[in-house]
């Protein structure tokens, strides 16, 4: 059984991070790429993202609970990457590596930190004009 399956089947509670993009907007006034949102911060301002992820991980560690951290890729797809400030970067892989680096900085607790790839909608999720057809 893999680590995810073991944690999922044996844990009563699994934490996850909150709305990081919203925290970045409201609390930090972070400048985000209009096409890939906060995923670009792994290049332009990785410290602010790491700070927020570490806050959530520290809560999990304090209570010895597993936590799932999601990549900041809700708005990332091949089309949005091409239009972004980072068209030549492998953003999806780089965000996974970014989370793995954070996880690995927690020896003794890293086995309880799960990384997930966040997939979001293509286009504007709040507009019916961009909805998929039947």
Protein backbone atom coordinates (compact mmCIF):
# COMPACT_ATOMS: atom_id res chain seq x y z
CA UNK A 1 0.00 0.00 0.00
CA UNK A 2 1.41 3.42 -0.96
CA UNK A 3 1.76 6.31 1.44
CA UNK A 4 -1.37 8.08 0.16
CA UNK A 5 -3.51 4.95 0.41
CA UNK A 6 -2.21 4.21 3.90
CA UNK A 7 -2.85 7.74 5.16
CA UNK A 8 -6.26 7.88 3.48
CA UNK A 9 -7.42 4.57 4.91
CA UNK A 10 -5.98 5.00 8.41
CA UNK A 11 -6.50 8.71 9.19
CA UNK A 12 -9.68 10.13 10.63
CA UNK A 13 -8.56 13.64 9.64
CA UNK A 14 -6.42 14.83 6.75
CA UNK A 15 -5.73 18.55 6.65
CA UNK A 16 -5.33 20.56 3.48
CA UNK A 17 -4.27 24.11 2.90
CA UNK A 18 -6.85 26.86 2.65
CA UNK A 19 -7.46 29.18 -0.25
CA UNK A 20 -3.85 30.21 -0.79
CA UNK A 21 -4.63 32.44 -3.78
CA UNK A 22 -7.21 34.36 -1.78
CA UNK A 23 -4.78 34.77 1.13
CA UNK A 24 -2.14 36.05 -1.29
CA UNK A 25 -4.57 38.62 -2.69
CA UNK A 26 -6.11 39.79 0.56
CA UNK A 27 -3.26 39.52 3.03
CA UNK A 28 -0.17 40.03 0.93
CA UNK A 29 -1.36 42.01 -2.10
CA UNK A 30 0.75 39.60 -4.17
CA UNK A 31 1.08 40.41 -7.84
CA UNK A 32 -0.06 37.39 -9.82
CA UNK A 33 0.09 36.52 -13.49
CA UNK A 34 -3.33 37.06 -15.02
CA UNK A 35 -3.18 33.77 -16.95
CA UNK A 36 -1.73 31.34 -14.39
CA UNK A 37 -2.62 33.17 -11.19
CA UNK A 38 -0.34 32.31 -8.26
CA UNK A 39 1.56 29.46 -9.97
CA UNK A 40 4.01 32.02 -11.37
CA UNK A 41 5.03 32.98 -7.84
CA UNK A 42 7.26 29.89 -7.70
CA UNK A 43 9.54 31.90 -10.02
CA UNK A 44 8.87 35.54 -9.10
CA UNK A 45 8.27 35.32 -5.33
CA UNK A 46 8.70 31.74 -4.06
CA UNK A 47 9.28 32.86 -0.48
CA UNK A 48 5.73 34.12 -0.03
CA UNK A 49 4.28 30.81 -1.27
CA UNK A 50 6.65 28.80 0.89
CA UNK A 51 5.69 30.92 3.91
CA UNK A 52 2.00 30.12 3.45
CA UNK A 53 2.51 26.42 2.79
CA UNK A 54 4.75 26.22 5.86
CA UNK A 55 2.04 27.80 8.02
CA UNK A 56 -0.37 25.00 7.12
CA UNK A 57 2.27 22.29 7.47
CA UNK A 58 3.24 23.63 10.89
CA UNK A 59 -0.37 23.22 12.05
CA UNK A 60 -0.39 19.62 10.85
CA UNK A 61 2.92 18.93 12.54
CA UNK A 62 1.78 20.54 15.79
CA UNK A 63 -1.17 18.15 15.99
CA UNK A 64 0.63 15.24 14.30
CA UNK A 65 -1.97 15.10 11.52
CA UNK A 66 -1.34 14.32 7.86
CA UNK A 67 -1.76 17.16 5.41
CA UNK A 68 -2.28 17.35 1.67
CA UNK A 69 -0.67 20.30 -0.06
CA UNK A 70 -1.96 21.15 -3.52
CA UNK A 71 0.11 22.65 -6.32
CA UNK A 72 -0.84 26.27 -7.12
CA UNK A 73 -2.06 25.23 -10.56
CA UNK A 74 -5.82 25.81 -10.54
CA UNK A 75 -5.56 28.07 -13.59
CA UNK A 76 -2.68 26.30 -15.31
CA UNK A 77 -3.05 24.53 -18.62
CA UNK A 78 -0.91 24.52 -21.74
CA UNK A 79 -2.84 27.41 -23.27
CA UNK A 80 -2.60 29.61 -20.17
CA UNK A 81 1.12 28.87 -19.81
CA UNK A 82 1.77 30.04 -23.38
CA UNK A 83 0.01 33.34 -22.63
CA UNK A 84 1.71 33.85 -19.26
CA UNK A 85 4.95 35.58 -18.32
CA UNK A 86 6.55 32.12 -18.20
CA UNK A 87 5.76 30.48 -21.57
CA UNK A 88 9.03 28.55 -21.67
CA UNK A 89 8.73 27.00 -18.22
CA UNK A 90 7.41 23.58 -17.24
CA UNK A 91 5.13 25.07 -14.60
CA UNK A 92 3.27 21.88 -13.78
CA UNK A 93 6.46 19.91 -13.06
CA UNK A 94 8.11 22.88 -11.37
CA UNK A 95 5.24 23.35 -8.93
CA UNK A 96 5.44 19.66 -8.00
CA UNK A 97 9.18 19.98 -7.40
CA UNK A 98 8.52 23.15 -5.36
CA UNK A 99 6.11 21.30 -3.04
CA UNK A 100 8.43 18.33 -2.77
CA UNK A 101 11.26 20.63 -1.67
CA UNK A 102 9.04 22.10 1.04
CA UNK A 103 7.95 18.61 2.13
CA UNK A 104 11.55 17.41 2.29
CA UNK A 105 12.46 20.30 4.61
CA UNK A 106 10.40 18.59 7.35
CA UNK A 107 12.44 15.54 8.37
CA UNK A 108 10.54 13.29 10.74
CA UNK A 109 7.19 14.65 9.51
CA UNK A 110 7.61 14.60 5.71
CA UNK A 111 5.95 11.17 5.41
CA UNK A 112 2.70 12.81 6.55
CA UNK A 113 2.87 15.56 3.90
CA UNK A 114 1.10 14.56 0.71
CA UNK A 115 1.42 16.52 -2.52
CA UNK A 116 -1.46 16.76 -4.93
CA UNK A 117 -1.72 18.25 -8.39
CA UNK A 118 -4.57 20.74 -8.50
CA UNK A 119 -6.49 20.78 -11.75
CA UNK A 120 -8.96 23.48 -12.44
CA UNK A 121 -11.20 24.64 -15.16
CA UNK A 122 -10.18 25.96 -18.51
CA UNK A 123 -11.47 29.47 -18.99
CA UNK A 124 -13.63 31.39 -16.54
CA UNK A 125 -15.34 29.04 -14.09
CA UNK A 126 -17.81 31.79 -13.21
CA UNK A 127 -19.02 32.39 -16.77
CA UNK A 128 -21.65 30.22 -18.43
CA UNK A 129 -20.31 31.41 -21.80
CA UNK A 130 -17.23 29.23 -21.30
CA UNK A 131 -19.19 26.16 -20.19
CA UNK A 132 -18.71 22.90 -22.06
CA UNK A 133 -21.45 21.83 -24.40
CA UNK A 134 -23.64 18.79 -23.82
